[in-house]
Amino acid sequence: MADVKITLKKSLIGCKKPQIATAEALGLHKVGDTTTQPDNAQTEGKIKKIIHLVEVIKG
């Protein structure tokens, strides 16, 4: 399976609790944090929830 590289680009300050929990579930805590996750349905759902805060690179 391919992987997805996710980078937190905007602060979590002022976000709703479910969005903060989603970012932390992906391993993103501070602006600039990057994580690599498997490209599957669960990861895509998490990304959709916080797409306005992250940059996604598939590959």
PDB file of N, CA and C in Angstrom:
ATOM      1  N   MET A   1       0.829  -1.193   0.000  1.00  0.00           N
ATOM      2  CA  MET A   1       0.000   0.000   0.000  1.00  0.00           C
ATOM      3  C   MET A   1       0.869   1.251   0.000  1.00  0.00           C
ATOM      4  N   ALA A   2       0.352   2.291  -0.569  1.00  0.00           N
ATOM      5  CA  ALA A   2       1.049   3.572  -0.598  1.00  0.00           C
ATOM      6  C   ALA A   2       0.875   4.286   0.740  1.00  0.00           C
ATOM      7  N   ASP A   3       1.727   5.252   0.965  1.00  0.00           N
ATOM      8  CA  ASP A   3       1.653   6.041   2.182  1.00  0.00           C
ATOM      9  C   ASP A   3       1.274   7.480   1.859  1.00  0.00           C
ATOM     10  N   VAL A   4       0.788   8.179   2.875  1.00  0.00           N
ATOM     11  CA  VAL A   4       0.410   9.577   2.759  1.00  0.00           C
ATOM     12  C   VAL A   4       1.240  10.354   3.764  1.00  0.00           C
ATOM     13  N   LYS A   5       1.864  11.436   3.306  1.00  0.00           N
ATOM     14  CA  LYS A   5       2.645  12.302   4.188  1.00  0.00           C
ATOM     15  C   LYS A   5       1.777  13.495   4.558  1.00  0.00           C
ATOM     16  N   ILE A   6       1.558  13.697   5.860  1.00  0.00           N
ATOM     17  CA  ILE A   6       0.658  14.744   6.345  1.00  0.00           C
ATOM     18  C   ILE A   6       1.459  15.714   7.206  1.00  0.00           C
ATOM     19  N   THR A   7       1.356  17.020   6.905  1.00  0.00           N
ATOM     20  CA  THR A   7       2.052  18.058   7.655  1.00  0.00           C
ATOM     21  C   THR A   7       1.032  19.049   8.195  1.00  0.00           C
ATOM     22  N   LEU A   8       1.138  19.358   9.490  1.00  0.00           N
ATOM     23  CA  LEU A   8       0.251  20.345  10.109  1.00  0.00           C
ATOM     24  C   LEU A   8       0.754  21.734   9.739  1.00  0.00           C
ATOM     25  N   LYS A   9      -0.065  22.515   9.034  1.00  0.00           N
ATOM     26  CA  LYS A   9       0.323  23.830   8.543  1.00  0.00           C
ATOM     27  C   LYS A   9      -0.282  24.984   9.334  1.00  0.00           C
ATOM     28  N   LYS A  10      -1.396  24.748  10.023  1.00  0.00           N
ATOM     29  CA  LYS A  10      -2.041  25.800  10.797  1.00  0.00           C
ATOM     30  C   LYS A  10      -2.207  25.333  12.236  1.00  0.00           C
ATOM     31  N   SER A  11      -2.296  26.299  13.146  1.00  0.00           N
ATOM     32  CA  SER A  11      -2.401  26.017  14.571  1.00  0.00           C
ATOM     33  C   SER A  11      -3.743  25.375  14.918  1.00  0.00           C
ATOM     34  N   LEU A  12      -3.729  24.585  15.978  1.00  0.00           N
ATOM     35  CA  LEU A  12      -4.947  23.954  16.473  1.00  0.00           C
ATOM     36  C   LEU A  12      -5.699  24.845  17.455  1.00  0.00           C
ATOM     37  N   ILE A  13      -5.134  26.012  17.768  1.00  0.00           N
ATOM     38  CA  ILE A  13      -5.778  26.938  18.686  1.00  0.00           C
ATOM     39  C   ILE A  13      -7.083  27.434  18.048  1.00  0.00           C
ATOM     40  N   GLY A  14      -8.166  27.352  18.782  1.00  0.00           N
ATOM     41  CA  GLY A  14      -9.461  27.795  18.294  1.00  0.00           C
ATOM     42  C   GLY A  14     -10.240  26.729  17.556  1.00  0.00           C
ATOM     43  N   CYS A  15      -9.652  25.567  17.349  1.00  0.00           N
ATOM     44  CA  CYS A  15     -10.358  24.476  16.679  1.00  0.00           C
ATOM     45  C   CYS A  15     -11.262  23.763  17.668  1.00  0.00           C
ATOM     46  N   LYS A  16     -12.233  23.057  17.132  1.00  0.00           N
ATOM     47  CA  LYS A  16     -13.141  22.289  17.967  1.00  0.00           C
ATOM     48  C   LYS A  16     -12.428  21.050  18.502  1.00  0.00           C
ATOM     49  N   LYS A  17     -12.907  20.546  19.622  1.00  0.00           N
ATOM     50  CA  LYS A  17     -12.263  19.410  20.280  1.00  0.00           C
ATOM     51  C   LYS A  17     -12.139  18.177  19.384  1.00  0.00           C
ATOM     52  N   PRO A  18     -13.162  17.831  18.585  1.00  0.00           N
ATOM     53  CA  PRO A  18     -13.001  16.667  17.704  1.00  0.00           C
ATOM     54  C   PRO A  18     -11.888  16.843  16.659  1.00  0.00           C
ATOM     55  N   GLN A  19     -11.692  18.083  16.183  1.00  0.00           N
ATOM     56  CA  GLN A  19     -10.627  18.335  15.211  1.00  0.00           C
ATOM     57  C   GLN A  19      -9.262  18.203  15.872  1.00  0.00           C
ATOM     58  N   ILE A  20      -9.129  18.690  17.103  1.00  0.00           N
ATOM     59  CA  ILE A  20      -7.876  18.568  17.830  1.00  0.00           C
ATOM     60  C   ILE A  20      -7.580  17.095  18.096  1.00  0.00           C
ATOM     61  N   ALA A  21      -8.595  16.334  18.482  1.00  0.00           N
ATOM     62  CA  ALA A  21      -8.416  14.910  18.743  1.00  0.00           C
ATOM     63  C   ALA A  21      -8.009  14.163  17.478  1.00  0.00           C
ATOM     64  N   THR A  22      -8.565  14.545  16.346  1.00  0.00           N
ATOM     65  CA  THR A  22      -8.217  13.916  15.073  1.00  0.00           C
ATOM     66  C   THR A  22      -6.766  14.194  14.712  1.00  0.00           C
ATOM     67  N   ALA A  23      -6.328  15.435  14.882  1.00  0.00           N
ATOM     68  CA  ALA A  23      -4.937  15.789  14.596  1.00  0.00           C
ATOM     69  C   ALA A  23      -3.994  15.005  15.497  1.00  0.00           C
ATOM     70  N   GLU A  24      -4.331  14.888  16.765  1.00  0.00           N
ATOM     71  CA  GLU A  24      -3.479  14.156  17.694  1.00  0.00           C
ATOM     72  C   GLU A  24      -3.480  12.661  17.385  1.00  0.00           C
ATOM     73  N   ALA A  25      -4.599  12.131  16.902  1.00  0.00           N
ATOM     74  CA  ALA A  25      -4.664  10.727  16.513  1.00  0.00           C
ATOM     75  C   ALA A  25      -3.749  10.447  15.321  1.00  0.00           C
ATOM     76  N   LEU A  26      -3.561  11.461  14.482  1.00  0.00           N
ATOM     77  CA  LEU A  26      -2.640  11.325  13.351  1.00  0.00           C
ATOM     78  C   LEU A  26      -1.190  11.566  13.760  1.00  0.00           C
ATOM     79  N   GLY A  27      -0.967  12.011  14.991  1.00  0.00           N
ATOM     80  CA  GLY A  27       0.390  12.265  15.467  1.00  0.00           C
ATOM     81  C   GLY A  27       0.850  13.684  15.232  1.00  0.00           C
ATOM     82  N   LEU A  28      -0.085  14.608  15.030  1.00  0.00           N
ATOM     83  CA  LEU A  28       0.229  16.007  14.772  1.00  0.00           C
ATOM     84  C   LEU A  28      -0.096  16.833  16.010  1.00  0.00           C
ATOM     85  N   HIS A  29       0.916  17.451  16.608  1.00  0.00           N
ATOM     86  CA  HIS A  29       0.712  18.199  17.838  1.00  0.00           C
ATOM     87  C   HIS A  29       1.049  19.682  17.685  1.00  0.00           C
ATOM     88  N   LYS A  30       2.129  19.985  16.962  1.00  0.00           N
ATOM     89  CA  LYS A  30       2.565  21.366  16.778  1.00  0.00           C
ATOM     90  C   LYS A  30       2.626  21.682  15.291  1.00  0.00           C
ATOM     91  N   VAL A  31       2.555  22.968  14.958  1.00  0.00           N
ATOM     92  CA  VAL A  31       2.678  23.396  13.567  1.00  0.00           C
ATOM     93  C   VAL A  31       4.043  22.941  13.047  1.00  0.00           C
ATOM     94  N   GLY A  32       4.043  22.324  11.887  1.00  0.00           N
ATOM     95  CA  GLY A  32       5.278  21.828  11.293  1.00  0.00           C
ATOM     96  C   GLY A  32       5.490  20.345  11.502  1.00  0.00           C
ATOM     97  N   ASP A  33       4.731  19.718  12.393  1.00  0.00           N
ATOM     98  CA  ASP A  33       4.844  18.275  12.604  1.00  0.00           C
ATOM     99  C   ASP A  33       4.427  17.541  11.342  1.00  0.00           C
ATOM    100  N   THR A  34       5.172  16.482  11.020  1.00  0.00           N
ATOM    101  CA  THR A  34       4.886  15.679   9.840  1.00  0.00           C
ATOM    102  C   THR A  34       4.782  14.221  10.250  1.00  0.00           C
ATOM    103  N   THR A  35       3.852  13.523   9.649  1.00  0.00           N
ATOM    104  CA  THR A  35       3.682  12.103   9.918  1.00  0.00           C
ATOM    105  C   THR A  35       3.401  11.370   8.612  1.00  0.00           C
ATOM    106  N   THR A  36       3.720  10.103   8.586  1.00  0.00           N
ATOM    107  CA  THR A  36       3.426   9.256   7.436  1.00  0.00           C
ATOM    108  C   THR A  36       2.409   8.220   7.879  1.00  0.00           C
ATOM    109  N   GLN A  37       1.306   8.147   7.165  1.00  0.00           N
ATOM    110  CA  GLN A  37       0.219   7.237   7.499  1.00  0.00           C
ATOM    111  C   GLN A  37      -0.106   6.375   6.283  1.00  0.00           C
ATOM    112  N   PRO A  38      -0.672   5.181   6.497  1.00  0.00           N
ATOM    113  CA  PRO A  38      -1.083   4.358   5.355  1.00  0.00           C
ATOM    114  C   PRO A  38      -2.255   5.013   4.621  1.00  0.00           C
ATOM    115  N   ASP A  39      -2.293   4.820   3.319  1.00  0.00           N
ATOM    116  CA  ASP A  39      -3.358   5.401   2.496  1.00  0.00           C
ATOM    117  C   ASP A  39      -4.549   4.447   2.490  1.00  0.00           C
ATOM    118  N   ASN A  40      -5.445   4.615   3.475  1.00  0.00           N
ATOM    119  CA  ASN A  40      -6.636   3.778   3.552  1.00  0.00           C
ATOM    120  C   ASN A  40      -7.847   4.637   3.894  1.00  0.00           C
ATOM    121  N   ALA A  41      -8.999   4.016   4.000  1.00  0.00           N
ATOM    122  CA  ALA A  41     -10.244   4.760   4.220  1.00  0.00           C
ATOM    123  C   ALA A  41     -10.248   5.501   5.560  1.00  0.00           C
ATOM    124  N   GLN A  42      -9.668   4.887   6.598  1.00  0.00           N
ATOM    125  CA  GLN A  42      -9.653   5.532   7.907  1.00  0.00           C
ATOM    126  C   GLN A  42      -8.830   6.803   7.878  1.00  0.00           C
ATOM    127  N   THR A  43      -7.678   6.753   7.253  1.00  0.00           N
ATOM    128  CA  THR A  43      -6.818   7.927   7.170  1.00  0.00           C
ATOM    129  C   THR A  43      -7.468   9.010   6.325  1.00  0.00           C
ATOM    130  N   GLU A  44      -8.102   8.635   5.227  1.00  0.00           N
ATOM    131  CA  GLU A  44      -8.773   9.612   4.371  1.00  0.00           C
ATOM    132  C   GLU A  44      -9.887  10.326   5.128  1.00  0.00           C
ATOM    133  N   GLY A  45     -10.621   9.609   5.973  1.00  0.00           N
ATOM    134  CA  GLY A  45     -11.678  10.223   6.765  1.00  0.00           C
ATOM    135  C   GLY A  45     -11.131  11.225   7.762  1.00  0.00           C
ATOM    136  N   LYS A  46      -9.998  10.890   8.388  1.00  0.00           N
ATOM    137  CA  LYS A  46      -9.360  11.806   9.340  1.00  0.00           C
ATOM    138  C   LYS A  46      -8.863  13.062   8.626  1.00  0.00           C
ATOM    139  N   ILE A  47      -8.295  12.874   7.453  1.00  0.00           N
ATOM    140  CA  ILE A  47      -7.779  14.013   6.686  1.00  0.00           C
ATOM    141  C   ILE A  47      -8.931  14.947   6.290  1.00  0.00           C
ATOM    142  N   LYS A  48     -10.057  14.394   5.869  1.00  0.00           N
ATOM    143  CA  LYS A  48     -11.205  15.227   5.475  1.00  0.00           C
ATOM    144  C   LYS A  48     -11.684  16.102   6.621  1.00  0.00           C
ATOM    145  N   LYS A  49     -11.558  15.603   7.849  1.00  0.00           N
ATOM    146  CA  LYS A  49     -12.022  16.347   9.012  1.00  0.00           C
ATOM    147  C   LYS A  49     -11.164  17.579   9.286  1.00  0.00           C
ATOM    148  N   ILE A  50      -9.870  17.517   8.939  1.00  0.00           N
ATOM    149  CA  ILE A  50      -8.962  18.629   9.243  1.00  0.00           C
ATOM    150  C   ILE A  50      -8.201  19.101   8.002  1.00  0.00           C
ATOM    151  N   ILE A  51      -8.791  18.949   6.823  1.00  0.00           N
ATOM    152  CA  ILE A  51      -8.106  19.293   5.569  1.00  0.00           C
ATOM    153  C   ILE A  51      -7.692  20.761   5.522  1.00  0.00           C
ATOM    154  N   HIS A  52      -8.416  21.630   6.202  1.00  0.00           N
ATOM    155  CA  HIS A  52      -8.086  23.057   6.186  1.00  0.00           C
ATOM    156  C   HIS A  52      -6.871  23.387   7.059  1.00  0.00           C
ATOM    157  N   LEU A  53      -6.382  22.409   7.806  1.00  0.00           N
ATOM    158  CA  LEU A  53      -5.243  22.636   8.704  1.00  0.00           C
ATOM    159  C   LEU A  53      -3.963  21.960   8.224  1.00  0.00           C
ATOM    160  N   VAL A  54      -4.063  21.051   7.264  1.00  0.00           N
ATOM    161  CA  VAL A  54      -2.927  20.214   6.892  1.00  0.00           C
ATOM    162  C   VAL A  54      -2.589  20.328   5.408  1.00  0.00           C
ATOM    163  N   GLU A  55      -1.382  19.860   5.103  1.00  0.00           N
ATOM    164  CA  GLU A  55      -0.945  19.688   3.717  1.00  0.00           C
ATOM    165  C   GLU A  55      -0.710  18.198   3.510  1.00  0.00           C
ATOM    166  N   VAL A  56      -1.263  17.635   2.442  1.00  0.00           N
ATOM    167  CA  VAL A  56      -1.201  16.195   2.204  1.00  0.00           C
ATOM    168  C   VAL A  56      -0.427  15.936   0.928  1.00  0.00           C
ATOM    169  N   ILE A  57       0.538  15.012   1.029  1.00  0.00           N
ATOM    170  CA  ILE A  57       1.317  14.595  -0.139  1.00  0.00           C
ATOM    171  C   ILE A  57       1.166  13.094  -0.268  1.00  0.00           C
ATOM    172  N   LYS A  58       0.568  12.656  -1.388  1.00  0.00           N
ATOM    173  CA  LYS A  58       0.388  11.217  -1.613  1.00  0.00           C
ATOM    174  C   LYS A  58       1.596  10.699  -2.387  1.00  0.00           C
ATOM    175  N   GLY A  59       1.978   9.496  -2.030  1.00  0.00           N
ATOM    176  CA  GLY A  59       3.102   8.940  -2.774  1.00  0.00           C
ATOM    177  C   GLY A  59       3.720   7.892  -2.029  1.00  0.00           C
TER     178      GLY A  59
END
